[in-house]
PDB file of N, CA and C in Angstrom:
ATOM      1  N   MET A   1     122.094  86.608  78.514  1.00  0.00           N
ATOM      2  CA  MET A   1     121.542  86.970  79.324  1.00  0.00           C
ATOM      3  C   MET A   1     120.407  86.161  80.112  1.00  0.00           C
ATOM      4  N   LYS A   2     120.420  85.640  81.130  1.00  0.00           N
ATOM      5  CA  LYS A   2     119.083  84.858  81.873  1.00  0.00           C
ATOM      6  C   LYS A   2     117.930  85.474  81.626  1.00  0.00           C
ATOM      7  N   GLN A   3     117.112  85.173  81.601  1.00  0.00           N
ATOM      8  CA  GLN A   3     115.685  85.464  81.300  1.00  0.00           C
ATOM      9  C   GLN A   3     115.222  85.320  83.155  1.00  0.00           C
ATOM     10  N   LEU A   4     114.618  86.636  83.564  1.00  0.00           N
ATOM     11  CA  LEU A   4     114.302  86.325  84.860  1.00  0.00           C
ATOM     12  C   LEU A   4     112.519  86.012  85.009  1.00  0.00           C
ATOM     13  N   THR A   5     112.505  85.391  86.253  1.00  0.00           N
ATOM     14  CA  THR A   5     111.406  84.724  86.198  1.00  0.00           C
ATOM     15  C   THR A   5     110.707  85.384  87.232  1.00  0.00           C
ATOM     16  N   ILE A   6     109.463  86.277  87.536  1.00  0.00           N
ATOM     17  CA  ILE A   6     108.470  86.897  88.412  1.00  0.00           C
ATOM     18  C   ILE A   6     107.749  86.342  89.303  1.00  0.00           C
ATOM     19  N   LEU A   7     107.692  86.612  90.207  1.00  0.00           N
ATOM     20  CA  LEU A   7     106.261  85.852  91.275  1.00  0.00           C
ATOM     21  C   LEU A   7     105.366  87.224  91.277  1.00  0.00           C
ATOM     22  N   VAL A   8     104.247  86.743  90.856  1.00  0.00           N
ATOM     23  CA  VAL A   8     103.276  87.828  90.879  1.00  0.00           C
ATOM     24  C   VAL A   8     102.152  87.191  91.891  1.00  0.00           C
ATOM     25  N   ILE A   9     102.209  87.919  93.127  1.00  0.00           N
ATOM     26  CA  ILE A   9     101.033  87.842  94.462  1.00  0.00           C
ATOM     27  C   ILE A   9      99.788  88.882  94.245  1.00  0.00           C
ATOM     28  N   GLU A  10      98.504  88.819  93.422  1.00  0.00           N
ATOM     29  CA  GLU A  10      97.630  89.313  93.331  1.00  0.00           C
ATOM     30  C   GLU A  10      96.402  88.703  93.727  1.00  0.00           C
ATOM     31  N   GLU A  11      95.455  89.402  94.866  1.00  0.00           N
ATOM     32  CA  GLU A  11      94.456  88.707  95.124  1.00  0.00           C
ATOM     33  C   GLU A  11      92.706  89.247  94.447  1.00  0.00           C
ATOM     34  N   HIS A  12      93.444  90.257  93.233  1.00  0.00           N
ATOM     35  CA  HIS A  12      92.334  90.521  92.650  1.00  0.00           C
ATOM     36  C   HIS A  12      92.863  90.041  91.120  1.00  0.00           C
ATOM     37  N   ALA A  13      91.760  88.849  90.494  1.00  0.00           N
ATOM     38  CA  ALA A  13      92.239  87.911  89.275  1.00  0.00           C
ATOM     39  C   ALA A  13      92.599  89.023  87.966  1.00  0.00           C
ATOM     40  N   ASP A  14      91.616  90.313  88.013  1.00  0.00           N
ATOM     41  CA  ASP A  14      91.894  90.827  86.839  1.00  0.00           C
ATOM     42  C   ASP A  14      92.971  91.800  86.779  1.00  0.00           C
ATOM     43  N   GLN A  15      93.250  92.393  87.987  1.00  0.00           N
ATOM     44  CA  GLN A  15      94.585  93.110  88.146  1.00  0.00           C
ATOM     45  C   GLN A  15      95.877  92.175  87.908  1.00  0.00           C
ATOM     46  N   GLY A  16      95.872  90.854  88.220  1.00  0.00           N
ATOM     47  CA  GLY A  16      96.771  90.069  88.492  1.00  0.00           C
ATOM     48  C   GLY A  16      97.067  89.469  87.268  1.00  0.00           C
ATOM     49  N   ILE A  17      96.228  89.846  86.194  1.00  0.00           N
ATOM     50  CA  ILE A  17      96.274  88.826  84.775  1.00  0.00           C
ATOM     51  C   ILE A  17      97.013  90.112  83.802  1.00  0.00           C
ATOM     52  N   THR A  18      96.319  91.370  84.381  1.00  0.00           N
ATOM     53  CA  THR A  18      97.200  92.176  83.563  1.00  0.00           C
ATOM     54  C   THR A  18      98.168  92.505  83.635  1.00  0.00           C
ATOM     55  N   MET A  19      98.766  92.587  85.001  1.00  0.00           N
ATOM     56  CA  MET A  19     100.287  92.695  85.376  1.00  0.00           C
ATOM     57  C   MET A  19     100.966  91.220  84.784  1.00  0.00           C
ATOM     58  N   LYS A  20     100.509  90.438  84.845  1.00  0.00           N
ATOM     59  CA  LYS A  20     101.523  89.143  84.210  1.00  0.00           C
ATOM     60  C   LYS A  20     101.399  89.281  82.489  1.00  0.00           C
ATOM     61  N   ARG A  21     100.137  89.606  82.027  1.00  0.00           N
ATOM     62  CA  ARG A  21     100.733  90.170  80.587  1.00  0.00           C
ATOM     63  C   ARG A  21     101.724  90.897  80.277  1.00  0.00           C
ATOM     64  N   LEU A  22     101.516  92.249  81.133  1.00  0.00           N
ATOM     65  CA  LEU A  22     102.519  93.104  80.758  1.00  0.00           C
ATOM     66  C   LEU A  22     103.796  92.766  80.617  1.00  0.00           C
ATOM     67  N   LEU A  23     103.967  91.692  81.741  1.00  0.00           N
ATOM     68  CA  LEU A  23     105.398  91.422  82.036  1.00  0.00           C
ATOM     69  C   LEU A  23     105.877  90.552  81.029  1.00  0.00           C
ATOM     70  N   GLU A  24     105.232  89.763  80.273  1.00  0.00           N
ATOM     71  CA  GLU A  24     105.601  88.710  79.778  1.00  0.00           C
ATOM     72  C   GLU A  24     105.623  89.536  78.492  1.00  0.00           C
ATOM     73  N   ARG A  25     105.040  90.355  78.017  1.00  0.00           N
ATOM     74  CA  ARG A  25     105.225  91.141  76.655  1.00  0.00           C
ATOM     75  C   ARG A  25     106.749  92.079  76.807  1.00  0.00           C
ATOM     76  N   ARG A  26     106.964  91.898  78.146  1.00  0.00           N
ATOM     77  CA  ARG A  26     108.512  92.254  78.247  1.00  0.00           C
ATOM     78  C   ARG A  26     109.239  91.465  77.936  1.00  0.00           C
ATOM     79  N   GLY A  27     109.376  89.829  78.067  1.00  0.00           N
ATOM     80  CA  GLY A  27     110.166  89.337  77.763  1.00  0.00           C
ATOM     81  C   GLY A  27     110.330  88.030  79.466  1.00  0.00           C
ATOM     82  N   TYR A  28     109.581  88.618  80.064  1.00  0.00           N
ATOM     83  CA  TYR A  28     109.514  87.952  81.834  1.00  0.00           C
ATOM     84  C   TYR A  28     108.771  86.365  81.688  1.00  0.00           C
ATOM     85  N   THR A  29     109.358  85.710  82.437  1.00  0.00           N
ATOM     86  CA  THR A  29     108.561  84.505  83.015  1.00  0.00           C
ATOM     87  C   THR A  29     107.955  85.096  84.086  1.00  0.00           C
ATOM     88  N   VAL A  30     106.737  84.689  83.948  1.00  0.00           N
ATOM     89  CA  VAL A  30     105.672  84.890  85.237  1.00  0.00           C
ATOM     90  C   VAL A  30     104.744  83.921  85.775  1.00  0.00           C
ATOM     91  N   ILE A  31     104.943  83.901  87.399  1.00  0.00           N
ATOM     92  CA  ILE A  31     103.618  83.114  87.758  1.00  0.00           C
ATOM     93  C   ILE A  31     102.751  83.633  88.591  1.00  0.00           C
ATOM     94  N   LEU A  32     101.888  83.623  88.573  1.00  0.00           N
ATOM     95  CA  LEU A  32     101.012  84.274  89.153  1.00  0.00           C
ATOM     96  C   LEU A  32      99.941  83.715  90.017  1.00  0.00           C
ATOM     97  N   VAL A  33      99.938  83.945  91.186  1.00  0.00           N
ATOM     98  CA  VAL A  33      98.969  83.317  92.418  1.00  0.00           C
ATOM     99  C   VAL A  33      98.502  84.441  92.960  1.00  0.00           C
ATOM    100  N   VAL A  34      97.144  83.758  93.664  1.00  0.00           N
ATOM    101  CA  VAL A  34      96.293  84.620  94.297  1.00  0.00           C
ATOM    102  C   VAL A  34      96.197  85.318  95.990  1.00  0.00           C
ATOM    103  N   THR A  35      97.338  84.378  96.460  1.00  0.00           N
ATOM    104  CA  THR A  35      97.302  84.423  98.071  1.00  0.00           C
ATOM    105  C   THR A  35      98.840  84.613  98.657  1.00  0.00           C
ATOM    106  N   ALA A  36      99.061  85.064  99.697  1.00  0.00           N
ATOM    107  CA  ALA A  36     100.599  84.871 100.083  1.00  0.00           C
ATOM    108  C   ALA A  36     101.433  83.936 100.380  1.00  0.00           C
ATOM    109  N   GLU A  37     100.280  83.393 101.364  1.00  0.00           N
ATOM    110  CA  GLU A  37     100.260  81.654 101.507  1.00  0.00           C
ATOM    111  C   GLU A  37     100.951  80.850 100.206  1.00  0.00           C
ATOM    112  N   THR A  38      99.963  80.763  99.029  1.00  0.00           N
ATOM    113  CA  THR A  38     100.276  80.407  98.079  1.00  0.00           C
ATOM    114  C   THR A  38     101.201  80.765  97.265  1.00  0.00           C
ATOM    115  N   GLY A  39     102.047  82.429  97.219  1.00  0.00           N
ATOM    116  CA  GLY A  39     103.271  82.725  96.347  1.00  0.00           C
ATOM    117  C   GLY A  39     104.503  82.316  97.622  1.00  0.00           C
ATOM    118  N   PHE A  40     104.127  81.997  98.758  1.00  0.00           N
ATOM    119  CA  PHE A  40     105.530  81.476  99.777  1.00  0.00           C
ATOM    120  C   PHE A  40     105.580  80.325  99.573  1.00  0.00           C
ATOM    121  N   ASP A  41     104.532  79.392  99.065  1.00  0.00           N
ATOM    122  CA  ASP A  41     104.553  77.927  98.670  1.00  0.00           C
ATOM    123  C   ASP A  41     105.586  78.096  97.454  1.00  0.00           C
ATOM    124  N   GLU A  42     104.547  78.439  96.602  1.00  0.00           N
ATOM    125  CA  GLU A  42     105.579  78.477  95.077  1.00  0.00           C
ATOM    126  C   GLU A  42     106.758  79.228  95.019  1.00  0.00           C
ATOM    127  N   PHE A  43     107.362  80.093  95.908  1.00  0.00           N
ATOM    128  CA  PHE A  43     108.489  80.488  96.090  1.00  0.00           C
ATOM    129  C   PHE A  43     109.499  79.488  96.652  1.00  0.00           C
ATOM    130  N   THR A  44     108.758  78.760  97.744  1.00  0.00           N
ATOM    131  CA  THR A  44     110.125  77.661  98.115  1.00  0.00           C
ATOM    132  C   THR A  44     109.853  76.574  97.165  1.00  0.00           C
ATOM    133  N   LYS A  45     109.346  76.524  96.165  1.00  0.00           N
ATOM    134  CA  LYS A  45     109.546  75.177  95.234  1.00  0.00           C
ATOM    135  C   LYS A  45     110.481  75.843  94.108  1.00  0.00           C
ATOM    136  N   ASN A  46     110.001  76.959  93.920  1.00  0.00           N
ATOM    137  CA  ASN A  46     110.435  77.428  92.551  1.00  0.00           C
ATOM    138  C   ASN A  46     110.772  78.928  92.952  1.00  0.00           C
ATOM    139  N   PRO A  47     112.152  79.411  93.454  1.00  0.00           N
ATOM    140  CA  PRO A  47     112.596  80.623  93.604  1.00  0.00           C
ATOM    141  C   PRO A  47     112.667  81.354  92.354  1.00  0.00           C
ATOM    142  N   SER A  48     112.094  82.637  92.826  1.00  0.00           N
ATOM    143  CA  SER A  48     111.889  83.507  91.428  1.00  0.00           C
ATOM    144  C   SER A  48     113.207  84.505  91.746  1.00  0.00           C
ATOM    145  N   ASP A  49     113.129  85.564  90.535  1.00  0.00           N
ATOM    146  CA  ASP A  49     114.488  86.708  91.141  1.00  0.00           C
ATOM    147  C   ASP A  49     113.560  87.696  91.171  1.00  0.00           C
ATOM    148  N   VAL A  50     112.617  87.861  91.395  1.00  0.00           N
ATOM    149  CA  VAL A  50     111.502  89.294  91.679  1.00  0.00           C
ATOM    150  C   VAL A  50     110.285  88.822  92.180  1.00  0.00           C
ATOM    151  N   VAL A  51     109.626  89.266  93.204  1.00  0.00           N
ATOM    152  CA  VAL A  51     108.407  88.742  93.751  1.00  0.00           C
ATOM    153  C   VAL A  51     107.701  90.251  93.922  1.00  0.00           C
ATOM    154  N   ILE A  52     106.690  90.197  92.967  1.00  0.00           N
ATOM    155  CA  ILE A  52     105.742  91.792  92.958  1.00  0.00           C
ATOM    156  C   ILE A  52     104.166  91.215  94.019  1.00  0.00           C
ATOM    157  N   THR A  53     104.130  91.790  94.962  1.00  0.00           N
ATOM    158  CA  THR A  53     102.829  91.314  95.503  1.00  0.00           C
ATOM    159  C   THR A  53     102.266  92.630  96.146  1.00  0.00           C
ATOM    160  N   ASP A  54     100.997  92.064  96.517  1.00  0.00           N
ATOM    161  CA  ASP A  54      99.629  92.813  96.773  1.00  0.00           C
ATOM    162  C   ASP A  54      99.925  93.171  98.506  1.00  0.00           C
ATOM    163  N   SER A  55      99.665  94.255  99.299  1.00  0.00           N
ATOM    164  CA  SER A  55      99.954  94.028 100.413  1.00  0.00           C
ATOM    165  C   SER A  55      99.161  92.958 101.253  1.00  0.00           C
ATOM    166  N   ASN A  56      98.056  92.393 100.486  1.00  0.00           N
ATOM    167  CA  ASN A  56      96.846  91.501 101.276  1.00  0.00           C
ATOM    168  C   ASN A  56      96.692  91.782 102.470  1.00  0.00           C
ATOM    169  N   LYS A  57      96.484  93.035 102.653  1.00  0.00           N
ATOM    170  CA  LYS A  57      95.898  93.474 104.654  1.00  0.00           C
ATOM    171  C   LYS A  57      94.268  93.308 104.538  1.00  0.00           C
ATOM    172  N   GLY A  58      93.861  92.935 105.345  1.00  0.00           N
ATOM    173  CA  GLY A  58      92.728  92.861 105.550  1.00  0.00           C
ATOM    174  C   GLY A  58      91.970  91.089 104.729  1.00  0.00           C
ATOM    175  N   THR A  59      92.875  90.342 104.196  1.00  0.00           N
ATOM    176  CA  THR A  59      92.525  89.085 103.810  1.00  0.00           C
ATOM    177  C   THR A  59      93.003  88.149 104.870  1.00  0.00           C
ATOM    178  N   PRO A  60      92.310  86.988 105.414  1.00  0.00           N
ATOM    179  CA  PRO A  60      92.395  85.936 105.992  1.00  0.00           C
ATOM    180  C   PRO A  60      93.911  85.456 105.855  1.00  0.00           C
ATOM    181  N   GLY A  61      95.009  85.191 106.861  1.00  0.00           N
ATOM    182  CA  GLY A  61      95.935  84.605 106.635  1.00  0.00           C
ATOM    183  C   GLY A  61      96.995  85.517 106.209  1.00  0.00           C
ATOM    184  N   MET A  62      98.533  84.931 106.066  1.00  0.00           N
ATOM    185  CA  MET A  62      99.496  85.800 106.057  1.00  0.00           C
ATOM    186  C   MET A  62      99.276  87.008 104.743  1.00  0.00           C
ATOM    187  N   ASP A  63      99.930  88.040 105.361  1.00  0.00           N
ATOM    188  CA  ASP A  63      99.619  89.245 104.279  1.00  0.00           C
ATOM    189  C   ASP A  63     101.263  89.458 103.309  1.00  0.00           C
ATOM    190  N   GLY A  64     101.228  90.231 102.742  1.00  0.00           N
ATOM    191  CA  GLY A  64     102.045  90.517 101.665  1.00  0.00           C
ATOM    192  C   GLY A  64     103.578  90.924 102.558  1.00  0.00           C
ATOM    193  N   GLU A  65     103.434  91.532 103.476  1.00  0.00           N
ATOM    194  CA  GLU A  65     104.754  91.697 104.417  1.00  0.00           C
ATOM    195  C   GLU A  65     105.161  90.836 104.900  1.00  0.00           C
ATOM    196  N   GLU A  66     104.346  89.904 105.683  1.00  0.00           N
ATOM    197  CA  GLU A  66     104.542  88.641 106.333  1.00  0.00           C
ATOM    198  C   GLU A  66     105.095  87.847 105.554  1.00  0.00           C
ATOM    199  N   MET A  67     104.630  87.407 103.832  1.00  0.00           N
ATOM    200  CA  MET A  67     105.654  86.578 103.124  1.00  0.00           C
ATOM    201  C   MET A  67     106.755  87.273 102.583  1.00  0.00           C
ATOM    202  N   ALA A  68     106.982  88.549 102.850  1.00  0.00           N
ATOM    203  CA  ALA A  68     108.270  89.468 102.222  1.00  0.00           C
ATOM    204  C   ALA A  68     109.445  88.972 103.171  1.00  0.00           C
ATOM    205  N   GLU A  69     109.151  88.939 104.559  1.00  0.00           N
ATOM    206  CA  GLU A  69     109.814  88.641 105.262  1.00  0.00           C
ATOM    207  C   GLU A  69     110.215  87.053 105.451  1.00  0.00           C
ATOM    208  N   LYS A  70     109.825  86.576 105.144  1.00  0.00           N
ATOM    209  CA  LYS A  70     110.334  84.713 104.751  1.00  0.00           C
ATOM    210  C   LYS A  70     110.751  84.464 104.039  1.00  0.00           C
ATOM    211  N   ILE A  71     110.606  85.401 103.095  1.00  0.00           N
ATOM    212  CA  ILE A  71     111.371  85.074 101.375  1.00  0.00           C
ATOM    213  C   ILE A  71     112.916  85.609 101.841  1.00  0.00           C
ATOM    214  N   LYS A  72     112.867  86.889 102.370  1.00  0.00           N
ATOM    215  CA  LYS A  72     114.283  87.291 102.412  1.00  0.00           C
ATOM    216  C   LYS A  72     114.785  86.628 103.850  1.00  0.00           C
ATOM    217  N   GLN A  73     113.890  85.567 104.360  1.00  0.00           N
ATOM    218  CA  GLN A  73     115.002  84.968 105.237  1.00  0.00           C
ATOM    219  C   GLN A  73     115.882  84.024 104.528  1.00  0.00           C
ATOM    220  N   ILE A  74     115.296  83.503 103.830  1.00  0.00           N
ATOM    221  CA  ILE A  74     115.664  82.202 102.985  1.00  0.00           C
ATOM    222  C   ILE A  74     116.736  82.658 101.405  1.00  0.00           C
ATOM    223  N   SER A  75     115.909  84.200 101.388  1.00  0.00           N
ATOM    224  CA  SER A  75     116.774  84.473  99.923  1.00  0.00           C
ATOM    225  C   SER A  75     116.734  85.843  99.952  1.00  0.00           C
ATOM    226  N   PRO A  76     117.742  86.293 100.590  1.00  0.00           N
ATOM    227  CA  PRO A  76     118.297  87.592 100.974  1.00  0.00           C
ATOM    228  C   PRO A  76     118.186  88.762  99.966  1.00  0.00           C
ATOM    229  N   THR A  77     118.764  88.185  98.472  1.00  0.00           N
ATOM    230  CA  THR A  77     119.028  88.617  97.161  1.00  0.00           C
ATOM    231  C   THR A  77     117.738  89.234  96.521  1.00  0.00           C
ATOM    232  N   THR A  78     116.380  88.804  96.797  1.00  0.00           N
ATOM    233  CA  THR A  78     115.502  88.590  95.844  1.00  0.00           C
ATOM    234  C   THR A  78     114.768  89.797  96.177  1.00  0.00           C
ATOM    235  N   LYS A  79     114.690  90.326  94.867  1.00  0.00           N
ATOM    236  CA  LYS A  79     114.137  91.860  95.005  1.00  0.00           C
ATOM    237  C   LYS A  79     112.216  91.463  95.300  1.00  0.00           C
ATOM    238  N   ILE A  80     111.876  92.272  96.395  1.00  0.00           N
ATOM    239  CA  ILE A  80     110.366  92.248  96.932  1.00  0.00           C
ATOM    240  C   ILE A  80     109.953  93.508  96.229  1.00  0.00           C
ATOM    241  N   VAL A  81     108.782  93.597  95.443  1.00  0.00           N
ATOM    242  CA  VAL A  81     107.952  94.991  95.571  1.00  0.00           C
ATOM    243  C   VAL A  81     106.322  94.446  95.840  1.00  0.00           C
ATOM    244  N   MET A  82     106.332  96.389  96.702  1.00  0.00           N
ATOM    245  CA  MET A  82     104.599  95.649  97.027  1.00  0.00           C
ATOM    246  C   MET A  82     104.049  96.737  96.287  1.00  0.00           C
ATOM    247  N   LEU A  83     102.782  96.280  95.842  1.00  0.00           N
ATOM    248  CA  LEU A  83     102.049  97.493  95.429  1.00  0.00           C
ATOM    249  C   LEU A  83     100.368  97.462  96.071  1.00  0.00           C
ATOM    250  N   THR A  84     100.125  98.509  96.760  1.00  0.00           N
ATOM    251  CA  THR A  84      99.381  98.588  97.679  1.00  0.00           C
ATOM    252  C   THR A  84      98.500  99.922  97.594  1.00  0.00           C
ATOM    253  N   GLY A  85      96.686  99.226  98.035  1.00  0.00           N
ATOM    254  CA  GLY A  85      96.174 100.675  98.294  1.00  0.00           C
ATOM    255  C   GLY A  85      96.676 101.141 100.036  1.00  0.00           C
ATOM    256  N   TRP A  86      96.929 100.226 100.758  1.00  0.00           N
ATOM    257  CA  TRP A  86      97.330 100.506 102.067  1.00  0.00           C
ATOM    258  C   TRP A  86      98.121 101.832 102.392  1.00  0.00           C
ATOM    259  N   ASP A  87      98.504 102.535 103.425  1.00  0.00           N
ATOM    260  CA  ASP A  87      99.733 103.400 103.740  1.00  0.00           C
ATOM    261  C   ASP A  87     100.457 103.105 104.203  1.00  0.00           C
ATOM    262  N   ILE A  88     101.453 102.131 103.386  1.00  0.00           N
ATOM    263  CA  ILE A  88     102.608 101.479 103.564  1.00  0.00           C
ATOM    264  C   ILE A  88     103.880 102.056 102.790  1.00  0.00           C
ATOM    265  N   ASP A  89     105.236 102.853 103.251  1.00  0.00           N
ATOM    266  CA  ASP A  89     105.813 103.391 102.509  1.00  0.00           C
ATOM    267  C   ASP A  89     107.006 102.753 102.047  1.00  0.00           C
ATOM    268  N   SER A  90     107.156 101.732 103.340  1.00  0.00           N
ATOM    269  CA  SER A  90     108.544 100.861 103.088  1.00  0.00           C
ATOM    270  C   SER A  90     108.456 100.195 104.496  1.00  0.00           C
ATOM    271  N   SER A  91     109.402  99.119 104.390  1.00  0.00           N
ATOM    272  CA  SER A  91     109.492  98.120 105.338  1.00  0.00           C
ATOM    273  C   SER A  91     111.028  97.570 104.901  1.00  0.00           C
ATOM    274  N   PRO A  92     111.704  96.872 105.950  1.00  0.00           N
ATOM    275  CA  PRO A  92     113.032  96.008 105.996  1.00  0.00           C
ATOM    276  C   PRO A  92     112.959  95.477 105.061  1.00  0.00           C
ATOM    277  N   PHE A  93     111.901  94.625 104.754  1.00  0.00           N
ATOM    278  CA  PHE A  93     111.797  93.356 104.099  1.00  0.00           C
ATOM    279  C   PHE A  93     111.642  93.442 102.802  1.00  0.00           C
ATOM    280  N   LEU A  94     110.904  94.912 101.973  1.00  0.00           N
ATOM    281  CA  LEU A  94     110.883  95.318 100.805  1.00  0.00           C
ATOM    282  C   LEU A  94     111.973  96.139 100.307  1.00  0.00           C
ATOM    283  N   ASN A  95     111.819  95.828  99.204  1.00  0.00           N
ATOM    284  CA  ASN A  95     113.080  97.024  97.912  1.00  0.00           C
ATOM    285  C   ASN A  95     112.417  97.882  97.495  1.00  0.00           C
ATOM    286  N   MET A  96     111.021  97.851  96.852  1.00  0.00           N
ATOM    287  CA  MET A  96     109.822  99.108  96.796  1.00  0.00           C
ATOM    288  C   MET A  96     108.809  98.536  97.005  1.00  0.00           C
ATOM    289  N   VAL A  97     107.967  99.902  97.006  1.00  0.00           N
ATOM    290  CA  VAL A  97     106.730 100.212  97.394  1.00  0.00           C
ATOM    291  C   VAL A  97     106.094 100.915  96.751  1.00  0.00           C
ATOM    292  N   LEU A  98     105.247 100.422  95.638  1.00  0.00           N
ATOM    293  CA  LEU A  98     104.106 101.310  95.034  1.00  0.00           C
ATOM    294  C   LEU A  98     102.938 101.503  94.915  1.00  0.00           C
ATOM    295  N   HIS A  99     102.417 102.743  95.194  1.00  0.00           N
ATOM    296  CA  HIS A  99     100.778 102.664  95.645  1.00  0.00           C
ATOM    297  C   HIS A  99      99.949 102.586  94.439  1.00  0.00           C
ATOM    298  N   LYS A 100      98.543 101.687  94.435  1.00  0.00           N
ATOM    299  CA  LYS A 100      97.220 101.708  93.461  1.00  0.00           C
ATOM    300  C   LYS A 100      97.047 102.883  93.614  1.00  0.00           C
ATOM    301  N   PRO A 101      96.550 103.528  92.433  1.00  0.00           N
ATOM    302  CA  PRO A 101      96.388 102.389  91.187  1.00  0.00           C
ATOM    303  C   PRO A 101      97.630 102.920  90.596  1.00  0.00           C
ATOM    304  N   ILE A 102      98.386 101.891  89.832  1.00  0.00           N
ATOM    305  CA  ILE A 102      99.737 101.964  89.206  1.00  0.00           C
ATOM    306  C   ILE A 102      99.735 102.718  88.103  1.00  0.00           C
ATOM    307  N   SER A 103     100.149 103.919  87.853  1.00  0.00           N
ATOM    308  CA  SER A 103     100.216 104.701  86.974  1.00  0.00           C
ATOM    309  C   SER A 103     101.649 104.197  86.074  1.00  0.00           C
ATOM    310  N   THR A 104     101.413 104.525  84.747  1.00  0.00           N
ATOM    311  CA  THR A 104     102.285 104.413  83.749  1.00  0.00           C
ATOM    312  C   THR A 104     103.949 104.540  84.052  1.00  0.00           C
ATOM    313  N   ASP A 105     104.228 105.767  84.565  1.00  0.00           N
ATOM    314  CA  ASP A 105     104.939 106.217  85.106  1.00  0.00           C
ATOM    315  C   ASP A 105     105.882 105.300  86.665  1.00  0.00           C
ATOM    316  N   GLN A 106     104.627 104.899  87.259  1.00  0.00           N
ATOM    317  CA  GLN A 106     105.111 103.922  88.175  1.00  0.00           C
ATOM    318  C   GLN A 106     105.807 102.503  87.708  1.00  0.00           C
ATOM    319  N   PHE A 107     105.012 102.013  86.533  1.00  0.00           N
ATOM    320  CA  PHE A 107     105.134 100.787  85.868  1.00  0.00           C
ATOM    321  C   PHE A 107     106.857 100.624  85.362  1.00  0.00           C
ATOM    322  N   GLU A 108     106.843 102.112  84.549  1.00  0.00           N
ATOM    323  CA  GLU A 108     108.078 102.266  83.738  1.00  0.00           C
ATOM    324  C   GLU A 108     109.279 102.076  85.189  1.00  0.00           C
ATOM    325  N   LYS A 109     108.766 102.845  86.459  1.00  0.00           N
ATOM    326  CA  LYS A 109     110.227 102.950  87.151  1.00  0.00           C
ATOM    327  C   LYS A 109     110.161 101.251  88.035  1.00  0.00           C
ATOM    328  N   LEU A 110     109.109 100.206  88.230  1.00  0.00           N
ATOM    329  CA  LEU A 110     109.151  99.197  88.560  1.00  0.00           C
ATOM    330  C   LEU A 110     109.843  98.084  87.289  1.00  0.00           C
ATOM    331  N   LEU A 111     109.808  98.594  86.056  1.00  0.00           N
ATOM    332  CA  LEU A 111     110.501  97.511  84.984  1.00  0.00           C
ATOM    333  C   LEU A 111     111.866  98.133  84.934  1.00  0.00           C
ATOM    334  N   GLY A 112     112.049  99.604  85.289  1.00  0.00           N
ATOM    335  CA  GLY A 112     113.896  99.410  85.653  1.00  0.00           C
ATOM    336  C   GLY A 112     114.108  98.948  86.606  1.00  0.00           C
ATOM    337  N   PHE A 113     113.282  99.243  87.687  1.00  0.00           N
ATOM    338  CA  PHE A 113     114.150  98.623  88.986  1.00  0.00           C
ATOM    339  C   PHE A 113     114.101  96.905  88.922  1.00  0.00           C
ATOM    340  N   ILE A 114     113.576  96.171  88.049  1.00  0.00           N
ATOM    341  CA  ILE A 114     113.464  94.809  87.895  1.00  0.00           C
ATOM    342  C   ILE A 114     114.834  94.654  86.887  1.00  0.00           C
ATOM    343  N   ALA A 115     114.971  94.985  85.996  1.00  0.00           N
ATOM    344  CA  ALA A 115     116.164  95.114  85.084  1.00  0.00           C
ATOM    345  C   ALA A 115     117.319  95.021  85.693  1.00  0.00           C
ATOM    346  N   GLN A 116     117.511  96.215  86.668  1.00  0.00           N
ATOM    347  CA  GLN A 116     119.102  96.159  87.256  1.00  0.00           C
ATOM    348  C   GLN A 116     119.431  95.020  88.057  1.00  0.00           C
ATOM    349  N   PRO A 117     120.797  94.520  87.872  1.00  0.00           N
ATOM    350  CA  PRO A 117     121.257  93.672  88.630  1.00  0.00           C
ATOM    351  C   PRO A 117     121.274  93.700  89.709  1.00  0.00           C
ATOM    352  N   ASN A 118     121.312  92.273  90.667  1.00  0.00           N
ATOM    353  CA  ASN A 118     121.357  92.421  92.073  1.00  0.00           C
ATOM    354  C   ASN A 118     122.796  92.390  92.763  1.00  0.00           C
ATOM    355  N   SER A 119     122.699  93.465  93.529  1.00  0.00           N
ATOM    356  CA  SER A 119     123.629  93.945  94.112  1.00  0.00           C
ATOM    357  C   SER A 119     124.423  92.637  95.001  1.00  0.00           C
TER     358      SER A 119
END
């Protein structure tokens, strides 16, 4: 079975490092960046199987939803999950939205979603 690569975009370093460590402990290869712009650049150079992004609302430049749209245009089957503290419940470019702070149950739901084969 192919080891999945996950691109994590999180503007808060401590939260990003925690997510990276938790995913790596479960056997995933994780790339961590802090902005949607660097996330999109990284994705175009090294496409990931899954993208987990912060909403990046209220920060300069591209937000997480704009980045998700750009990624879906070039890779429609890539799974994109948004973790947000904002009032966002869905988007045509997101496969899943989870609200911060993420509970253990939500994290388990995320892991189950990541493990599902792409359709």
